[in-house]
Amino acid sequence: MATLLEQVGGNRFVTDTVAEFFHAIARHLSDDDSDEHRKQQARQAKFLTHALSGTQEPVRSSRASFLALGLNPMLFEALLEFLEGRLLELGFPDQLTSALVESASSLYGNCDPQLSIAC
């Protein structure tokens, strides 16, 4: 059975969707925010790719915790909402969309809260 990542089009789809999200919010950012959000964009794409890859790691894996380090919780939540809407817009089934968002959200929620620092 294909992983969630494979079902949505792989790493390229995730990276492009995260880039699209940050492009959409860029007009609301100051120059100082823009530098920090480039880092957030890269880290969020890596975290989502990891969360959806179906690797056989424990939920509280060191990789997930490392990738969660420095993620802005509000931006990550907004990204998941954007991703969910984008998948539905592209015609992905509700069940797949819900599973994808739940998987990423659950993995993020199981990382140490202290690691989820704001920008």
PDB file of N, CA and C in Angstrom:
ATOM      1  N   MET A   1       0.835  -1.183   0.000  1.00  0.00           N
ATOM      2  CA  MET A   1       0.000   0.000   0.000  1.00  0.00           C
ATOM      3  C   MET A   1       0.883   1.251   0.000  1.00  0.00           C
ATOM      4  N   ALA A   2       0.508   2.209  -0.765  1.00  0.00           N
ATOM      5  CA  ALA A   2       1.278   3.443  -0.882  1.00  0.00           C
ATOM      6  C   ALA A   2       1.152   4.279   0.394  1.00  0.00           C
ATOM      7  N   THR A   3       2.228   4.976   0.737  1.00  0.00           N
ATOM      8  CA  THR A   3       2.192   5.867   1.892  1.00  0.00           C
ATOM      9  C   THR A   3       1.343   7.088   1.548  1.00  0.00           C
ATOM     10  N   LEU A   4       0.991   7.849   2.578  1.00  0.00           N
ATOM     11  CA  LEU A   4       0.243   9.092   2.352  1.00  0.00           C
ATOM     12  C   LEU A   4       1.030  10.022   1.435  1.00  0.00           C
ATOM     13  N   LEU A   5       2.333  10.060   1.633  1.00  0.00           N
ATOM     14  CA  LEU A   5       3.180  10.919   0.806  1.00  0.00           C
ATOM     15  C   LEU A   5       3.092  10.516  -0.663  1.00  0.00           C
ATOM     16  N   GLU A   6       3.164   9.236  -0.935  1.00  0.00           N
ATOM     17  CA  GLU A   6       3.067   8.746  -2.313  1.00  0.00           C
ATOM     18  C   GLU A   6       1.681   9.013  -2.903  1.00  0.00           C
ATOM     19  N   GLN A   7       0.653   8.909  -2.095  1.00  0.00           N
ATOM     20  CA  GLN A   7      -0.709   9.101  -2.576  1.00  0.00           C
ATOM     21  C   GLN A   7      -0.992  10.535  -3.015  1.00  0.00           C
ATOM     22  N   VAL A   8      -0.281  11.498  -2.434  1.00  0.00           N
ATOM     23  CA  VAL A   8      -0.516  12.897  -2.818  1.00  0.00           C
ATOM     24  C   VAL A   8       0.476  13.402  -3.860  1.00  0.00           C
ATOM     25  N   GLY A   9       1.416  12.581  -4.261  1.00  0.00           N
ATOM     26  CA  GLY A   9       2.353  13.002  -5.306  1.00  0.00           C
ATOM     27  C   GLY A   9       3.786  13.150  -4.858  1.00  0.00           C
ATOM     28  N   GLY A  10       4.083  12.721  -3.652  1.00  0.00           N
ATOM     29  CA  GLY A  10       5.463  12.704  -3.195  1.00  0.00           C
ATOM     30  C   GLY A  10       5.978  14.012  -2.634  1.00  0.00           C
ATOM     31  N   ASN A  11       7.275  13.994  -2.431  1.00  0.00           N
ATOM     32  CA  ASN A  11       7.976  15.121  -1.827  1.00  0.00           C
ATOM     33  C   ASN A  11       7.770  16.412  -2.630  1.00  0.00           C
ATOM     34  N   ARG A  12       7.746  16.304  -3.929  1.00  0.00           N
ATOM     35  CA  ARG A  12       7.605  17.474  -4.789  1.00  0.00           C
ATOM     36  C   ARG A  12       6.277  18.188  -4.523  1.00  0.00           C
ATOM     37  N   PHE A  13       5.206  17.418  -4.378  1.00  0.00           N
ATOM     38  CA  PHE A  13       3.895  18.015  -4.107  1.00  0.00           C
ATOM     39  C   PHE A  13       3.912  18.753  -2.770  1.00  0.00           C
ATOM     40  N   VAL A  14       4.473  18.129  -1.744  1.00  0.00           N
ATOM     41  CA  VAL A  14       4.524  18.748  -0.419  1.00  0.00           C
ATOM     42  C   VAL A  14       5.349  20.033  -0.473  1.00  0.00           C
ATOM     43  N   THR A  15       6.521  19.963  -1.073  1.00  0.00           N
ATOM     44  CA  THR A  15       7.392  21.138  -1.166  1.00  0.00           C
ATOM     45  C   THR A  15       6.709  22.273  -1.926  1.00  0.00           C
ATOM     46  N   ASP A  16       6.079  21.947  -3.042  1.00  0.00           N
ATOM     47  CA  ASP A  16       5.384  22.969  -3.836  1.00  0.00           C
ATOM     48  C   ASP A  16       4.202  23.577  -3.080  1.00  0.00           C
ATOM     49  N   THR A  17       3.458  22.753  -2.352  1.00  0.00           N
ATOM     50  CA  THR A  17       2.297  23.251  -1.612  1.00  0.00           C
ATOM     51  C   THR A  17       2.729  24.160  -0.460  1.00  0.00           C
ATOM     52  N   VAL A  18       3.783  23.779   0.239  1.00  0.00           N
ATOM     53  CA  VAL A  18       4.298  24.623   1.324  1.00  0.00           C
ATOM     54  C   VAL A  18       4.795  25.949   0.743  1.00  0.00           C
ATOM     55  N   ALA A  19       5.484  25.894  -0.389  1.00  0.00           N
ATOM     56  CA  ALA A  19       5.957  27.121  -1.039  1.00  0.00           C
ATOM     57  C   ALA A  19       4.776  28.000  -1.450  1.00  0.00           C
ATOM     58  N   GLU A  20       3.719  27.387  -1.956  1.00  0.00           N
ATOM     59  CA  GLU A  20       2.515  28.123  -2.351  1.00  0.00           C
ATOM     60  C   GLU A  20       1.881  28.817  -1.141  1.00  0.00           C
ATOM     61  N   PHE A  21       1.840  28.118  -0.003  1.00  0.00           N
ATOM     62  CA  PHE A  21       1.295  28.701   1.221  1.00  0.00           C
ATOM     63  C   PHE A  21       2.109  29.930   1.638  1.00  0.00           C
ATOM     64  N   PHE A  22       3.424  29.795   1.674  1.00  0.00           N
ATOM     65  CA  PHE A  22       4.257  30.910   2.110  1.00  0.00           C
ATOM     66  C   PHE A  22       4.230  32.057   1.104  1.00  0.00           C
ATOM     67  N   HIS A  23       4.065  31.743  -0.160  1.00  0.00           N
ATOM     68  CA  HIS A  23       3.913  32.804  -1.165  1.00  0.00           C
ATOM     69  C   HIS A  23       2.613  33.579  -0.904  1.00  0.00           C
ATOM     70  N   ALA A  24       1.564  32.855  -0.523  1.00  0.00           N
ATOM     71  CA  ALA A  24       0.263  33.485  -0.264  1.00  0.00           C
ATOM     72  C   ALA A  24       0.313  34.433   0.933  1.00  0.00           C
ATOM     73  N   ILE A  25       1.131  34.101   1.932  1.00  0.00           N
ATOM     74  CA  ILE A  25       1.187  34.966   3.117  1.00  0.00           C
ATOM     75  C   ILE A  25       2.307  36.002   3.036  1.00  0.00           C
ATOM     76  N   ALA A  26       3.156  35.936   2.017  1.00  0.00           N
ATOM     77  CA  ALA A  26       4.337  36.802   1.929  1.00  0.00           C
ATOM     78  C   ALA A  26       3.994  38.280   1.932  1.00  0.00           C
ATOM     79  N   ARG A  27       2.870  38.647   1.347  1.00  0.00           N
ATOM     80  CA  ARG A  27       2.527  40.079   1.276  1.00  0.00           C
ATOM     81  C   ARG A  27       2.215  40.660   2.654  1.00  0.00           C
ATOM     82  N   HIS A  28       2.029  39.799   3.641  1.00  0.00           N
ATOM     83  CA  HIS A  28       1.730  40.255   4.999  1.00  0.00           C
ATOM     84  C   HIS A  28       2.975  40.306   5.881  1.00  0.00           C
ATOM     85  N   LEU A  29       4.132  40.047   5.302  1.00  0.00           N
ATOM     86  CA  LEU A  29       5.358  39.939   6.087  1.00  0.00           C
ATOM     87  C   LEU A  29       6.249  41.158   5.924  1.00  0.00           C
ATOM     88  N   SER A  30       6.948  41.490   6.996  1.00  0.00           N
ATOM     89  CA  SER A  30       7.984  42.525   6.901  1.00  0.00           C
ATOM     90  C   SER A  30       9.251  41.864   6.349  1.00  0.00           C
ATOM     91  N   ASP A  31      10.254  42.678   6.019  1.00  0.00           N
ATOM     92  CA  ASP A  31      11.513  42.125   5.518  1.00  0.00           C
ATOM     93  C   ASP A  31      12.156  41.201   6.543  1.00  0.00           C
ATOM     94  N   ASP A  32      12.081  41.580   7.828  1.00  0.00           N
ATOM     95  CA  ASP A  32      12.644  40.735   8.884  1.00  0.00           C
ATOM     96  C   ASP A  32      11.902  39.403   8.970  1.00  0.00           C
ATOM     97  N   ASP A  33      10.584  39.450   8.855  1.00  0.00           N
ATOM     98  CA  ASP A  33       9.784  38.226   8.893  1.00  0.00           C
ATOM     99  C   ASP A  33      10.096  37.320   7.708  1.00  0.00           C
ATOM    100  N   SER A  34      10.374  37.885   6.567  1.00  0.00           N
ATOM    101  CA  SER A  34      10.607  37.101   5.357  1.00  0.00           C
ATOM    102  C   SER A  34      11.776  36.136   5.518  1.00  0.00           C
ATOM    103  N   ASP A  35      12.872  36.599   6.126  1.00  0.00           N
ATOM    104  CA  ASP A  35      14.015  35.711   6.343  1.00  0.00           C
ATOM    105  C   ASP A  35      13.640  34.544   7.244  1.00  0.00           C
ATOM    106  N   GLU A  36      12.937  34.820   8.334  1.00  0.00           N
ATOM    107  CA  GLU A  36      12.534  33.764   9.253  1.00  0.00           C
ATOM    108  C   GLU A  36      11.546  32.805   8.583  1.00  0.00           C
ATOM    109  N   HIS A  37      10.675  33.327   7.752  1.00  0.00           N
ATOM    110  CA  HIS A  37       9.682  32.467   7.110  1.00  0.00           C
ATOM    111  C   HIS A  37      10.283  31.580   6.031  1.00  0.00           C
ATOM    112  N   ARG A  38      11.397  31.971   5.452  1.00  0.00           N
ATOM    113  CA  ARG A  38      12.095  31.071   4.528  1.00  0.00           C
ATOM    114  C   ARG A  38      12.587  29.832   5.290  1.00  0.00           C
ATOM    115  N   LYS A  39      13.076  30.056   6.503  1.00  0.00           N
ATOM    116  CA  LYS A  39      13.503  28.927   7.336  1.00  0.00           C
ATOM    117  C   LYS A  39      12.305  28.064   7.721  1.00  0.00           C
ATOM    118  N   GLN A  40      11.194  28.717   8.098  1.00  0.00           N
ATOM    119  CA  GLN A  40       9.976  27.990   8.442  1.00  0.00           C
ATOM    120  C   GLN A  40       9.490  27.159   7.254  1.00  0.00           C
ATOM    121  N   GLN A  41       9.540  27.730   6.077  1.00  0.00           N
ATOM    122  CA  GLN A  41       9.080  27.032   4.882  1.00  0.00           C
ATOM    123  C   GLN A  41       9.869  25.745   4.671  1.00  0.00           C
ATOM    124  N   ALA A  42      11.179  25.823   4.751  1.00  0.00           N
ATOM    125  CA  ALA A  42      12.015  24.641   4.550  1.00  0.00           C
ATOM    126  C   ALA A  42      11.753  23.595   5.631  1.00  0.00           C
ATOM    127  N   ARG A  43      11.676  24.034   6.878  1.00  0.00           N
ATOM    128  CA  ARG A  43      11.483  23.103   7.984  1.00  0.00           C
ATOM    129  C   ARG A  43      10.097  22.463   7.937  1.00  0.00           C
ATOM    130  N   GLN A  44       9.070  23.232   7.604  1.00  0.00           N
ATOM    131  CA  GLN A  44       7.724  22.670   7.536  1.00  0.00           C
ATOM    132  C   GLN A  44       7.599  21.657   6.402  1.00  0.00           C
ATOM    133  N   ALA A  45       8.230  21.930   5.275  1.00  0.00           N
ATOM    134  CA  ALA A  45       8.204  20.967   4.167  1.00  0.00           C
ATOM    135  C   ALA A  45       8.880  19.662   4.578  1.00  0.00           C
ATOM    136  N   LYS A  46      10.004  19.760   5.267  1.00  0.00           N
ATOM    137  CA  LYS A  46      10.704  18.553   5.725  1.00  0.00           C
ATOM    138  C   LYS A  46       9.867  17.787   6.748  1.00  0.00           C
ATOM    139  N   PHE A  47       9.242  18.517   7.677  1.00  0.00           N
ATOM    140  CA  PHE A  47       8.431  17.861   8.700  1.00  0.00           C
ATOM    141  C   PHE A  47       7.242  17.136   8.056  1.00  0.00           C
ATOM    142  N   LEU A  48       6.531  17.804   7.153  1.00  0.00           N
ATOM    143  CA  LEU A  48       5.388  17.172   6.497  1.00  0.00           C
ATOM    144  C   LEU A  48       5.815  15.957   5.684  1.00  0.00           C
ATOM    145  N   THR A  49       6.917  16.068   4.977  1.00  0.00           N
ATOM    146  CA  THR A  49       7.420  14.935   4.203  1.00  0.00           C
ATOM    147  C   THR A  49       7.702  13.756   5.129  1.00  0.00           C
ATOM    148  N   HIS A  50       8.339  14.035   6.256  1.00  0.00           N
ATOM    149  CA  HIS A  50       8.623  12.983   7.237  1.00  0.00           C
ATOM    150  C   HIS A  50       7.334  12.392   7.804  1.00  0.00           C
ATOM    151  N   ALA A  51       6.395  13.251   8.168  1.00  0.00           N
ATOM    152  CA  ALA A  51       5.145  12.796   8.787  1.00  0.00           C
ATOM    153  C   ALA A  51       4.337  11.911   7.850  1.00  0.00           C
ATOM    154  N   LEU A  52       4.425  12.151   6.568  1.00  0.00           N
ATOM    155  CA  LEU A  52       3.604  11.421   5.601  1.00  0.00           C
ATOM    156  C   LEU A  52       4.344  10.269   4.932  1.00  0.00           C
ATOM    157  N   SER A  53       5.617  10.112   5.250  1.00  0.00           N
ATOM    158  CA  SER A  53       6.435   9.119   4.558  1.00  0.00           C
ATOM    159  C   SER A  53       6.162   7.683   4.986  1.00  0.00           C
ATOM    160  N   GLY A  54       5.535   7.499   6.136  1.00  0.00           N
ATOM    161  CA  GLY A  54       5.234   6.146   6.586  1.00  0.00           C
ATOM    162  C   GLY A  54       6.441   5.393   7.116  1.00  0.00           C
ATOM    163  N   THR A  55       7.477   6.115   7.542  1.00  0.00           N
ATOM    164  CA  THR A  55       8.652   5.453   8.093  1.00  0.00           C
ATOM    165  C   THR A  55       8.268   4.709   9.359  1.00  0.00           C
ATOM    166  N   GLN A  56       8.936   3.643   9.616  1.00  0.00           N
ATOM    167  CA  GLN A  56       8.612   2.800  10.759  1.00  0.00           C
ATOM    168  C   GLN A  56       9.337   3.262  12.020  1.00  0.00           C
ATOM    169  N   GLU A  57       9.193   4.529  12.344  1.00  0.00           N
ATOM    170  CA  GLU A  57       9.813   5.077  13.546  1.00  0.00           C
ATOM    171  C   GLU A  57       8.762   5.261  14.627  1.00  0.00           C
ATOM    172  N   PRO A  58       9.200   5.291  15.884  1.00  0.00           N
ATOM    173  CA  PRO A  58       8.243   5.601  16.949  1.00  0.00           C
ATOM    174  C   PRO A  58       7.660   7.001  16.729  1.00  0.00           C
ATOM    175  N   VAL A  59       6.457   7.203  17.217  1.00  0.00           N
ATOM    176  CA  VAL A  59       5.783   8.491  17.047  1.00  0.00           C
ATOM    177  C   VAL A  59       6.650   9.629  17.578  1.00  0.00           C
ATOM    178  N   ARG A  60       7.321   9.388  18.675  1.00  0.00           N
ATOM    179  CA  ARG A  60       8.169  10.441  19.255  1.00  0.00           C
ATOM    180  C   ARG A  60       9.606  10.282  18.779  1.00  0.00           C
ATOM    181  N   SER A  61       9.796  10.064  17.499  1.00  0.00           N
ATOM    182  CA  SER A  61      11.133   9.844  16.954  1.00  0.00           C
ATOM    183  C   SER A  61      11.998  11.085  17.118  1.00  0.00           C
ATOM    184  N   SER A  62      13.284  10.842  17.192  1.00  0.00           N
ATOM    185  CA  SER A  62      14.210  11.965  17.309  1.00  0.00           C
ATOM    186  C   SER A  62      14.176  12.817  16.042  1.00  0.00           C
ATOM    187  N   ARG A  63      13.942  12.201  14.898  1.00  0.00           N
ATOM    188  CA  ARG A  63      13.861  12.962  13.640  1.00  0.00           C
ATOM    189  C   ARG A  63      12.657  13.912  13.662  1.00  0.00           C
ATOM    190  N   ALA A  64      11.509  13.401  14.090  1.00  0.00           N
ATOM    191  CA  ALA A  64      10.315  14.245  14.160  1.00  0.00           C
ATOM    192  C   ALA A  64      10.533  15.391  15.148  1.00  0.00           C
ATOM    193  N   SER A  65      11.105  15.080  16.302  1.00  0.00           N
ATOM    194  CA  SER A  65      11.357  16.119  17.299  1.00  0.00           C
ATOM    195  C   SER A  65      12.334  17.160  16.775  1.00  0.00           C
ATOM    196  N   PHE A  66      13.362  16.693  16.057  1.00  0.00           N
ATOM    197  CA  PHE A  66      14.325  17.636  15.490  1.00  0.00           C
ATOM    198  C   PHE A  66      13.644  18.543  14.470  1.00  0.00           C
ATOM    199  N   LEU A  67      12.824  17.970  13.604  1.00  0.00           N
ATOM    200  CA  LEU A  67      12.152  18.768  12.578  1.00  0.00           C
ATOM    201  C   LEU A  67      11.112  19.710  13.175  1.00  0.00           C
ATOM    202  N   ALA A  68      10.519  19.324  14.299  1.00  0.00           N
ATOM    203  CA  ALA A  68       9.533  20.186  14.962  1.00  0.00           C
ATOM    204  C   ALA A  68      10.196  21.364  15.664  1.00  0.00           C
ATOM    205  N   LEU A  69      11.478  21.216  15.967  1.00  0.00           N
ATOM    206  CA  LEU A  69      12.212  22.280  16.653  1.00  0.00           C
ATOM    207  C   LEU A  69      12.144  23.567  15.843  1.00  0.00           C
ATOM    208  N   GLY A  70      11.600  24.577  16.429  1.00  0.00           N
ATOM    209  CA  GLY A  70      11.552  25.871  15.777  1.00  0.00           C
ATOM    210  C   GLY A  70      10.344  26.109  14.895  1.00  0.00           C
ATOM    211  N   LEU A  71       9.477  25.114  14.734  1.00  0.00           N
ATOM    212  CA  LEU A  71       8.274  25.365  13.945  1.00  0.00           C
ATOM    213  C   LEU A  71       7.362  26.309  14.709  1.00  0.00           C
ATOM    214  N   ASN A  72       6.832  27.265  14.008  1.00  0.00           N
ATOM    215  CA  ASN A  72       5.883  28.185  14.601  1.00  0.00           C
ATOM    216  C   ASN A  72       4.530  27.470  14.654  1.00  0.00           C
ATOM    217  N   PRO A  73       3.983  27.214  15.843  1.00  0.00           N
ATOM    218  CA  PRO A  73       2.733  26.450  15.942  1.00  0.00           C
ATOM    219  C   PRO A  73       1.569  27.044  15.166  1.00  0.00           C
ATOM    220  N   MET A  74       1.415  28.367  15.184  1.00  0.00           N
ATOM    221  CA  MET A  74       0.298  28.984  14.466  1.00  0.00           C
ATOM    222  C   MET A  74       0.486  28.865  12.956  1.00  0.00           C
ATOM    223  N   LEU A  75       1.710  29.029  12.491  1.00  0.00           N
ATOM    224  CA  LEU A  75       1.963  28.876  11.058  1.00  0.00           C
ATOM    225  C   LEU A  75       1.756  27.431  10.615  1.00  0.00           C
ATOM    226  N   PHE A  76       2.154  26.492  11.462  1.00  0.00           N
ATOM    227  CA  PHE A  76       1.992  25.086  11.106  1.00  0.00           C
ATOM    228  C   PHE A  76       0.505  24.726  11.023  1.00  0.00           C
ATOM    229  N   GLU A  77      -0.272  25.201  11.969  1.00  0.00           N
ATOM    230  CA  GLU A  77      -1.720  24.961  11.946  1.00  0.00           C
ATOM    231  C   GLU A  77      -2.350  25.583  10.703  1.00  0.00           C
ATOM    232  N   ALA A  78      -1.934  26.806  10.373  1.00  0.00           N
ATOM    233  CA  ALA A  78      -2.456  27.467   9.169  1.00  0.00           C
ATOM    234  C   ALA A  78      -2.052  26.710   7.915  1.00  0.00           C
ATOM    235  N   LEU A  79      -0.825  26.186   7.909  1.00  0.00           N
ATOM    236  CA  LEU A  79      -0.368  25.397   6.758  1.00  0.00           C
ATOM    237  C   LEU A  79      -1.215  24.144   6.585  1.00  0.00           C
ATOM    238  N   LEU A  80      -1.531  23.465   7.687  1.00  0.00           N
ATOM    239  CA  LEU A  80      -2.362  22.260   7.592  1.00  0.00           C
ATOM    240  C   LEU A  80      -3.749  22.586   7.038  1.00  0.00           C
ATOM    241  N   GLU A  81      -4.313  23.709   7.449  1.00  0.00           N
ATOM    242  CA  GLU A  81      -5.610  24.134   6.913  1.00  0.00           C
ATOM    243  C   GLU A  81      -5.499  24.422   5.417  1.00  0.00           C
ATOM    244  N   PHE A  82      -4.429  25.086   5.027  1.00  0.00           N
ATOM    245  CA  PHE A  82      -4.196  25.392   3.618  1.00  0.00           C
ATOM    246  C   PHE A  82      -4.037  24.096   2.823  1.00  0.00           C
ATOM    247  N   LEU A  83      -3.248  23.179   3.354  1.00  0.00           N
ATOM    248  CA  LEU A  83      -3.007  21.901   2.687  1.00  0.00           C
ATOM    249  C   LEU A  83      -4.298  21.111   2.516  1.00  0.00           C
ATOM    250  N   GLU A  84      -5.110  21.090   3.559  1.00  0.00           N
ATOM    251  CA  GLU A  84      -6.388  20.383   3.496  1.00  0.00           C
ATOM    252  C   GLU A  84      -7.279  20.971   2.394  1.00  0.00           C
ATOM    253  N   GLY A  85      -7.384  22.273   2.375  1.00  0.00           N
ATOM    254  CA  GLY A  85      -8.183  22.930   1.342  1.00  0.00           C
ATOM    255  C   GLY A  85      -7.641  22.685  -0.049  1.00  0.00           C
ATOM    256  N   ARG A  86      -6.325  22.717  -0.175  1.00  0.00           N
ATOM    257  CA  ARG A  86      -5.686  22.504  -1.481  1.00  0.00           C
ATOM    258  C   ARG A  86      -5.952  21.090  -1.982  1.00  0.00           C
ATOM    259  N   LEU A  87      -5.843  20.105  -1.108  1.00  0.00           N
ATOM    260  CA  LEU A  87      -6.095  18.715  -1.504  1.00  0.00           C
ATOM    261  C   LEU A  87      -7.540  18.522  -1.947  1.00  0.00           C
ATOM    262  N   LEU A  88      -8.458  19.105  -1.201  1.00  0.00           N
ATOM    263  CA  LEU A  88      -9.875  18.997  -1.571  1.00  0.00           C
ATOM    264  C   LEU A  88     -10.131  19.687  -2.906  1.00  0.00           C
ATOM    265  N   GLU A  89      -9.507  20.835  -3.092  1.00  0.00           N
ATOM    266  CA  GLU A  89      -9.643  21.579  -4.347  1.00  0.00           C
ATOM    267  C   GLU A  89      -9.135  20.759  -5.539  1.00  0.00           C
ATOM    268  N   LEU A  90      -8.088  19.974  -5.313  1.00  0.00           N
ATOM    269  CA  LEU A  90      -7.521  19.143  -6.375  1.00  0.00           C
ATOM    270  C   LEU A  90      -8.291  17.843  -6.590  1.00  0.00           C
ATOM    271  N   GLY A  91      -9.308  17.609  -5.752  1.00  0.00           N
ATOM    272  CA  GLY A  91     -10.152  16.439  -5.938  1.00  0.00           C
ATOM    273  C   GLY A  91      -9.721  15.195  -5.179  1.00  0.00           C
ATOM    274  N   PHE A  92      -8.820  15.346  -4.219  1.00  0.00           N
ATOM    275  CA  PHE A  92      -8.441  14.195  -3.411  1.00  0.00           C
ATOM    276  C   PHE A  92      -9.619  13.818  -2.513  1.00  0.00           C
ATOM    277  N   PRO A  93      -9.799  12.534  -2.234  1.00  0.00           N
ATOM    278  CA  PRO A  93     -10.917  12.100  -1.395  1.00  0.00           C
ATOM    279  C   PRO A  93     -10.820  12.677   0.022  1.00  0.00           C
ATOM    280  N   ASP A  94     -11.978  12.942   0.614  1.00  0.00           N
ATOM    281  CA  ASP A  94     -12.030  13.465   1.988  1.00  0.00           C
ATOM    282  C   ASP A  94     -11.275  12.571   2.957  1.00  0.00           C
ATOM    283  N   GLN A  95     -11.410  11.264   2.785  1.00  0.00           N
ATOM    284  CA  GLN A  95     -10.770  10.311   3.696  1.00  0.00           C
ATOM    285  C   GLN A  95      -9.245  10.444   3.646  1.00  0.00           C
ATOM    286  N   LEU A  96      -8.685  10.565   2.457  1.00  0.00           N
ATOM    287  CA  LEU A  96      -7.237  10.734   2.310  1.00  0.00           C
ATOM    288  C   LEU A  96      -6.799  12.066   2.897  1.00  0.00           C
ATOM    289  N   THR A  97      -7.542  13.111   2.604  1.00  0.00           N
ATOM    290  CA  THR A  97      -7.213  14.442   3.101  1.00  0.00           C
ATOM    291  C   THR A  97      -7.223  14.470   4.627  1.00  0.00           C
ATOM    292  N   SER A  98      -8.247  13.887   5.219  1.00  0.00           N
ATOM    293  CA  SER A  98      -8.345  13.838   6.684  1.00  0.00           C
ATOM    294  C   SER A  98      -7.202  13.019   7.286  1.00  0.00           C
ATOM    295  N   ALA A  99      -6.877  11.894   6.667  1.00  0.00           N
ATOM    296  CA  ALA A  99      -5.794  11.036   7.167  1.00  0.00           C
ATOM    297  C   ALA A  99      -4.456  11.767   7.111  1.00  0.00           C
ATOM    298  N   LEU A 100      -4.240  12.497   6.052  1.00  0.00           N
ATOM    299  CA  LEU A 100      -3.000  13.230   5.893  1.00  0.00           C
ATOM    300  C   LEU A 100      -2.854  14.308   6.958  1.00  0.00           C
ATOM    301  N   VAL A 101      -3.884  15.108   7.140  1.00  0.00           N
ATOM    302  CA  VAL A 101      -3.845  16.191   8.132  1.00  0.00           C
ATOM    303  C   VAL A 101      -3.727  15.613   9.538  1.00  0.00           C
ATOM    304  N   GLU A 102      -4.467  14.557   9.815  1.00  0.00           N
ATOM    305  CA  GLU A 102      -4.412  13.925  11.141  1.00  0.00           C
ATOM    306  C   GLU A 102      -3.032  13.350  11.424  1.00  0.00           C
ATOM    307  N   SER A 103      -2.429  12.718  10.437  1.00  0.00           N
ATOM    308  CA  SER A 103      -1.108  12.131  10.610  1.00  0.00           C
ATOM    309  C   SER A 103      -0.070  13.202  10.942  1.00  0.00           C
ATOM    310  N   ALA A 104      -0.056  14.280  10.177  1.00  0.00           N
ATOM    311  CA  ALA A 104       0.909  15.362  10.419  1.00  0.00           C
ATOM    312  C   ALA A 104       0.635  16.050  11.750  1.00  0.00           C
ATOM    313  N   SER A 105      -0.618  16.318  12.033  1.00  0.00           N
ATOM    314  CA  SER A 105      -0.997  16.994  13.269  1.00  0.00           C
ATOM    315  C   SER A 105      -0.659  16.142  14.490  1.00  0.00           C
ATOM    316  N   SER A 106      -0.935  14.857  14.406  1.00  0.00           N
ATOM    317  CA  SER A 106      -0.662  13.940  15.511  1.00  0.00           C
ATOM    318  C   SER A 106       0.833  13.845  15.794  1.00  0.00           C
ATOM    319  N   LEU A 107       1.629  13.706  14.744  1.00  0.00           N
ATOM    320  CA  LEU A 107       3.075  13.615  14.943  1.00  0.00           C
ATOM    321  C   LEU A 107       3.603  14.906  15.558  1.00  0.00           C
ATOM    322  N   TYR A 108       3.127  16.033  15.062  1.00  0.00           N
ATOM    323  CA  TYR A 108       3.555  17.324  15.606  1.00  0.00           C
ATOM    324  C   TYR A 108       3.116  17.462  17.066  1.00  0.00           C
ATOM    325  N   GLY A 109       1.902  17.055  17.355  1.00  0.00           N
ATOM    326  CA  GLY A 109       1.379  17.142  18.717  1.00  0.00           C
ATOM    327  C   GLY A 109       2.112  16.260  19.704  1.00  0.00           C
ATOM    328  N   ASN A 110       2.724  15.188  19.222  1.00  0.00           N
ATOM    329  CA  ASN A 110       3.449  14.274  20.094  1.00  0.00           C
ATOM    330  C   ASN A 110       4.908  14.653  20.286  1.00  0.00           C
ATOM    331  N   CYS A 111       5.350  15.714  19.624  1.00  0.00           N
ATOM    332  CA  CYS A 111       6.702  16.212  19.841  1.00  0.00           C
ATOM    333  C   CYS A 111       6.689  17.064  21.105  1.00  0.00           C
ATOM    334  N   ASP A 112       7.826  17.193  21.712  1.00  0.00           N
ATOM    335  CA  ASP A 112       7.913  17.974  22.945  1.00  0.00           C
ATOM    336  C   ASP A 112       7.431  19.398  22.704  1.00  0.00           C
ATOM    337  N   PRO A 113       6.446  19.877  23.506  1.00  0.00           N
ATOM    338  CA  PRO A 113       5.920  21.225  23.312  1.00  0.00           C
ATOM    339  C   PRO A 113       7.006  22.304  23.393  1.00  0.00           C
ATOM    340  N   GLN A 114       8.024  22.066  24.206  1.00  0.00           N
ATOM    341  CA  GLN A 114       9.086  23.061  24.337  1.00  0.00           C
ATOM    342  C   GLN A 114       9.843  23.244  23.026  1.00  0.00           C
ATOM    343  N   LEU A 115       9.787  22.239  22.170  1.00  0.00           N
ATOM    344  CA  LEU A 115      10.501  22.348  20.900  1.00  0.00           C
ATOM    345  C   LEU A 115       9.735  23.211  19.904  1.00  0.00           C
ATOM    346  N   SER A 116       8.462  23.365  20.105  1.00  0.00           N
ATOM    347  CA  SER A 116       7.621  24.111  19.156  1.00  0.00           C
ATOM    348  C   SER A 116       7.607  25.584  19.515  1.00  0.00           C
ATOM    349  N   ILE A 117       8.725  26.217  19.287  1.00  0.00           N
ATOM    350  CA  ILE A 117       8.860  27.631  19.644  1.00  0.00           C
ATOM    351  C   ILE A 117       8.391  28.513  18.496  1.00  0.00           C
ATOM    352  N   ALA A 118       7.921  29.676  18.816  1.00  0.00           N
ATOM    353  CA  ALA A 118       7.466  30.623  17.799  1.00  0.00           C
ATOM    354  C   ALA A 118       8.661  31.287  17.136  1.00  0.00           C
ATOM    355  N   CYS A 119       8.410  31.899  15.986  1.00  0.00           N
ATOM    356  CA  CYS A 119       9.472  32.635  15.274  1.00  0.00           C
ATOM    357  C   CYS A 119       9.974  33.757  16.153  1.00  0.00           C
TER     358      CYS A 119
END
